[in-house]
Amino acid sequence: MSEYILEMKDISKGFAGVKALDHVQLQVKPGEVHASLRKYQMGDDSHLYRW
């Protein structure tokens, strides 16, 4: 059984030929606090996630 409540592996993302993420990993254990933020644009919902 995994000790993580969230685990993401080998994440890659690019925009118009520019690498934004290159094989990134994220592992979150129970009780840890991590935030996911994004640029706010007019009319969008604002999100802050806590795992």
PDB file of N, CA and C in Angstrom:
ATOM      1  N   MET A   1       0.837  -1.187   0.000  1.00  0.00           N
ATOM      2  CA  MET A   1       0.000   0.000   0.000  1.00  0.00           C
ATOM      3  C   MET A   1       0.884   1.253   0.000  1.00  0.00           C
ATOM      4  N   SER A   2       0.530   2.222  -0.822  1.00  0.00           N
ATOM      5  CA  SER A   2       1.316   3.446  -0.952  1.00  0.00           C
ATOM      6  C   SER A   2       1.154   4.333   0.284  1.00  0.00           C
ATOM      7  N   GLU A   3       2.211   5.033   0.640  1.00  0.00           N
ATOM      8  CA  GLU A   3       2.150   5.957   1.767  1.00  0.00           C
ATOM      9  C   GLU A   3       1.669   7.338   1.331  1.00  0.00           C
ATOM     10  N   TYR A   4       1.380   7.527   0.050  1.00  0.00           N
ATOM     11  CA  TYR A   4       0.961   8.818  -0.483  1.00  0.00           C
ATOM     12  C   TYR A   4      -0.544   8.836  -0.734  1.00  0.00           C
ATOM     13  N   ILE A   5      -1.171  10.009  -0.489  1.00  0.00           N
ATOM     14  CA  ILE A   5      -2.579  10.146  -0.833  1.00  0.00           C
ATOM     15  C   ILE A   5      -2.740  10.695  -2.247  1.00  0.00           C
ATOM     16  N   LEU A   6      -1.661  11.255  -2.782  1.00  0.00           N
ATOM     17  CA  LEU A   6      -1.636  11.720  -4.166  1.00  0.00           C
ATOM     18  C   LEU A   6      -0.237  11.495  -4.703  1.00  0.00           C
ATOM     19  N   GLU A   7      -0.149  10.869  -5.865  1.00  0.00           N
ATOM     20  CA  GLU A   7       1.150  10.636  -6.486  1.00  0.00           C
ATOM     21  C   GLU A   7       1.002  10.787  -7.994  1.00  0.00           C
ATOM     22  N   MET A   8       1.797  11.691  -8.566  1.00  0.00           N
ATOM     23  CA  MET A   8       1.802  11.905 -10.013  1.00  0.00           C
ATOM     24  C   MET A   8       3.237  11.746 -10.493  1.00  0.00           C
ATOM     25  N   LYS A   9       3.418  11.027 -11.588  1.00  0.00           N
ATOM     26  CA  LYS A   9       4.763  10.747 -12.090  1.00  0.00           C
ATOM     27  C   LYS A   9       4.879  11.114 -13.561  1.00  0.00           C
ATOM     28  N   ASP A  10       6.081  11.570 -13.930  1.00  0.00           N
ATOM     29  CA  ASP A  10       6.443  11.791 -15.329  1.00  0.00           C
ATOM     30  C   ASP A  10       5.501  12.769 -16.039  1.00  0.00           C
ATOM     31  N   ILE A  11       5.212  13.912 -15.394  1.00  0.00           N
ATOM     32  CA  ILE A  11       4.324  14.923 -15.953  1.00  0.00           C
ATOM     33  C   ILE A  11       5.141  15.849 -16.856  1.00  0.00           C
ATOM     34  N   SER A  12       4.696  15.999 -18.089  1.00  0.00           N
ATOM     35  CA  SER A  12       5.338  16.912 -19.040  1.00  0.00           C
ATOM     36  C   SER A  12       4.263  17.769 -19.694  1.00  0.00           C
ATOM     37  N   LYS A  13       4.579  19.040 -19.924  1.00  0.00           N
ATOM     38  CA  LYS A  13       3.635  19.948 -20.571  1.00  0.00           C
ATOM     39  C   LYS A  13       4.416  21.011 -21.316  1.00  0.00           C
ATOM     40  N   GLY A  14       3.937  21.361 -22.492  1.00  0.00           N
ATOM     41  CA  GLY A  14       4.576  22.398 -23.278  1.00  0.00           C
ATOM     42  C   GLY A  14       3.545  23.294 -23.937  1.00  0.00           C
ATOM     43  N   PHE A  15       3.954  24.503 -24.267  1.00  0.00           N
ATOM     44  CA  PHE A  15       3.098  25.474 -24.929  1.00  0.00           C
ATOM     45  C   PHE A  15       3.868  26.097 -26.086  1.00  0.00           C
ATOM     46  N   ALA A  16       3.366  25.949 -27.270  1.00  0.00           N
ATOM     47  CA  ALA A  16       3.974  26.554 -28.464  1.00  0.00           C
ATOM     48  C   ALA A  16       5.475  26.267 -28.540  1.00  0.00           C
ATOM     49  N   GLY A  17       5.852  25.030 -28.289  1.00  0.00           N
ATOM     50  CA  GLY A  17       7.245  24.636 -28.403  1.00  0.00           C
ATOM     51  C   GLY A  17       8.110  24.927 -27.186  1.00  0.00           C
ATOM     52  N   VAL A  18       7.530  25.489 -26.123  1.00  0.00           N
ATOM     53  CA  VAL A  18       8.276  25.794 -24.898  1.00  0.00           C
ATOM     54  C   VAL A  18       7.911  24.761 -23.836  1.00  0.00           C
ATOM     55  N   LYS A  19       8.919  24.111 -23.245  1.00  0.00           N
ATOM     56  CA  LYS A  19       8.661  23.137 -22.181  1.00  0.00           C
ATOM     57  C   LYS A  19       8.377  23.866 -20.873  1.00  0.00           C
ATOM     58  N   ALA A  20       7.196  23.650 -20.333  1.00  0.00           N
ATOM     59  CA  ALA A  20       6.846  24.236 -19.036  1.00  0.00           C
ATOM     60  C   ALA A  20       7.159  23.255 -17.913  1.00  0.00           C
ATOM     61  N   LEU A  21       6.885  21.975 -18.146  1.00  0.00           N
ATOM     62  CA  LEU A  21       7.197  20.906 -17.199  1.00  0.00           C
ATOM     63  C   LEU A  21       7.882  19.790 -17.959  1.00  0.00           C
ATOM     64  N   ASP A  22       8.909  19.220 -17.373  1.00  0.00           N
ATOM     65  CA  ASP A  22       9.647  18.150 -18.041  1.00  0.00           C
ATOM     66  C   ASP A  22       9.881  16.998 -17.068  1.00  0.00           C
ATOM     67  N   HIS A  23       9.033  15.992 -17.137  1.00  0.00           N
ATOM     68  CA  HIS A  23       9.136  14.784 -16.308  1.00  0.00           C
ATOM     69  C   HIS A  23       9.112  15.108 -14.805  1.00  0.00           C
ATOM     70  N   VAL A  24       8.125  15.895 -14.398  1.00  0.00           N
ATOM     71  CA  VAL A  24       7.960  16.311 -13.005  1.00  0.00           C
ATOM     72  C   VAL A  24       7.228  15.229 -12.213  1.00  0.00           C
ATOM     73  N   GLN A  25       7.565  15.116 -10.933  1.00  0.00           N
ATOM     74  CA  GLN A  25       6.877  14.191 -10.031  1.00  0.00           C
ATOM     75  C   GLN A  25       6.336  14.975  -8.840  1.00  0.00           C
ATOM     76  N   LEU A  26       5.179  14.538  -8.333  1.00  0.00           N
ATOM     77  CA  LEU A  26       4.587  15.132  -7.140  1.00  0.00           C
ATOM     78  C   LEU A  26       4.077  14.008  -6.256  1.00  0.00           C
ATOM     79  N   GLN A  27       4.464  14.048  -4.991  1.00  0.00           N
ATOM     80  CA  GLN A  27       4.018  13.045  -4.026  1.00  0.00           C
ATOM     81  C   GLN A  27       3.563  13.782  -2.767  1.00  0.00           C
ATOM     82  N   VAL A  28       2.337  13.509  -2.339  1.00  0.00           N
ATOM     83  CA  VAL A  28       1.767  14.160  -1.165  1.00  0.00           C
ATOM     84  C   VAL A  28       1.408  13.098  -0.133  1.00  0.00           C
ATOM     85  N   LYS A  29       1.943  13.263   1.070  1.00  0.00           N
ATOM     86  CA  LYS A  29       1.648  12.348   2.175  1.00  0.00           C
ATOM     87  C   LYS A  29       0.479  12.901   2.994  1.00  0.00           C
ATOM     88  N   PRO A  30      -0.245  12.041   3.697  1.00  0.00           N
ATOM     89  CA  PRO A  30      -1.338  12.517   4.555  1.00  0.00           C
ATOM     90  C   PRO A  30      -0.838  13.571   5.544  1.00  0.00           C
ATOM     91  N   GLY A  31      -1.584  14.657   5.685  1.00  0.00           N
ATOM     92  CA  GLY A  31      -1.221  15.719   6.624  1.00  0.00           C
ATOM     93  C   GLY A  31      -0.362  16.816   6.031  1.00  0.00           C
ATOM     94  N   GLU A  32       0.230  16.595   4.859  1.00  0.00           N
ATOM     95  CA  GLU A  32       1.036  17.636   4.212  1.00  0.00           C
ATOM     96  C   GLU A  32       0.116  18.654   3.550  1.00  0.00           C
ATOM     97  N   VAL A  33       0.595  19.881   3.457  1.00  0.00           N
ATOM     98  CA  VAL A  33      -0.173  20.946   2.822  1.00  0.00           C
ATOM     99  C   VAL A  33       0.565  21.383   1.564  1.00  0.00           C
ATOM    100  N   HIS A  34      -0.130  21.352   0.441  1.00  0.00           N
ATOM    101  CA  HIS A  34       0.394  21.815  -0.842  1.00  0.00           C
ATOM    102  C   HIS A  34      -0.668  22.688  -1.484  1.00  0.00           C
ATOM    103  N   ALA A  35      -0.259  23.663  -2.232  1.00  0.00           N
ATOM    104  CA  ALA A  35      -1.210  24.544  -2.904  1.00  0.00           C
ATOM    105  C   ALA A  35      -0.993  24.480  -4.401  1.00  0.00           C
ATOM    106  N   SER A  36      -2.075  24.565  -5.117  1.00  0.00           N
ATOM    107  CA  SER A  36      -2.036  24.627  -6.574  1.00  0.00           C
ATOM    108  C   SER A  36      -2.664  25.953  -6.978  1.00  0.00           C
ATOM    109  N   LEU A  37      -1.864  26.841  -7.551  1.00  0.00           N
ATOM    110  CA  LEU A  37      -2.339  28.168  -7.922  1.00  0.00           C
ATOM    111  C   LEU A  37      -2.281  28.342  -9.425  1.00  0.00           C
ATOM    112  N   ARG A  38      -3.144  29.181  -9.930  1.00  0.00           N
ATOM    113  CA  ARG A  38      -3.088  29.485 -11.354  1.00  0.00           C
ATOM    114  C   ARG A  38      -3.408  30.954 -11.566  1.00  0.00           C
ATOM    115  N   LYS A  39      -3.033  31.463 -12.714  1.00  0.00           N
ATOM    116  CA  LYS A  39      -3.289  32.853 -13.050  1.00  0.00           C
ATOM    117  C   LYS A  39      -4.794  33.085 -13.122  1.00  0.00           C
ATOM    118  N   TYR A  40      -5.252  34.129 -12.484  1.00  0.00           N
ATOM    119  CA  TYR A  40      -6.672  34.477 -12.501  1.00  0.00           C
ATOM    120  C   TYR A  40      -6.965  35.344 -13.709  1.00  0.00           C
ATOM    121  N   GLN A  41      -8.013  35.001 -14.418  1.00  0.00           N
ATOM    122  CA  GLN A  41      -8.465  35.816 -15.545  1.00  0.00           C
ATOM    123  C   GLN A  41      -9.915  36.202 -15.300  1.00  0.00           C
ATOM    124  N   MET A  42     -10.287  37.365 -15.744  1.00  0.00           N
ATOM    125  CA  MET A  42     -11.633  37.873 -15.529  1.00  0.00           C
ATOM    126  C   MET A  42     -12.684  36.839 -15.943  1.00  0.00           C
ATOM    127  N   GLY A  43     -13.610  36.564 -15.060  1.00  0.00           N
ATOM    128  CA  GLY A  43     -14.668  35.608 -15.355  1.00  0.00           C
ATOM    129  C   GLY A  43     -14.357  34.187 -14.933  1.00  0.00           C
ATOM    130  N   ASP A  44     -13.111  33.917 -14.554  1.00  0.00           N
ATOM    131  CA  ASP A  44     -12.720  32.574 -14.112  1.00  0.00           C
ATOM    132  C   ASP A  44     -12.965  32.415 -12.616  1.00  0.00           C
ATOM    133  N   ASP A  45     -13.176  31.187 -12.220  1.00  0.00           N
ATOM    134  CA  ASP A  45     -13.199  30.876 -10.796  1.00  0.00           C
ATOM    135  C   ASP A  45     -11.763  30.816 -10.299  1.00  0.00           C
ATOM    136  N   SER A  46     -11.540  31.241  -9.076  1.00  0.00           N
ATOM    137  CA  SER A  46     -10.215  31.153  -8.469  1.00  0.00           C
ATOM    138  C   SER A  46     -10.158  29.882  -7.626  1.00  0.00           C
ATOM    139  N   HIS A  47      -9.081  29.121  -7.745  1.00  0.00           N
ATOM    140  CA  HIS A  47      -8.981  27.846  -7.051  1.00  0.00           C
ATOM    141  C   HIS A  47      -7.715  27.774  -6.206  1.00  0.00           C
ATOM    142  N   LEU A  48      -7.862  27.268  -5.017  1.00  0.00           N
ATOM    143  CA  LEU A  48      -6.739  26.926  -4.148  1.00  0.00           C
ATOM    144  C   LEU A  48      -7.079  25.573  -3.553  1.00  0.00           C
ATOM    145  N   TYR A  49      -6.245  24.598  -3.826  1.00  0.00           N
ATOM    146  CA  TYR A  49      -6.519  23.239  -3.389  1.00  0.00           C
ATOM    147  C   TYR A  49      -5.618  22.870  -2.224  1.00  0.00           C
ATOM    148  N   ARG A  50      -6.176  22.155  -1.273  1.00  0.00           N
ATOM    149  CA  ARG A  50      -5.391  21.625  -0.153  1.00  0.00           C
ATOM    150  C   ARG A  50      -5.627  20.123  -0.104  1.00  0.00           C
ATOM    151  N   TRP A  51      -4.526  19.358  -0.110  1.00  0.00           N
ATOM    152  CA  TRP A  51      -4.637  17.906  -0.031  1.00  0.00           C
ATOM    153  C   TRP A  51      -4.174  17.453   1.316  1.00  0.00           C
TER     154      TRP A  51
END
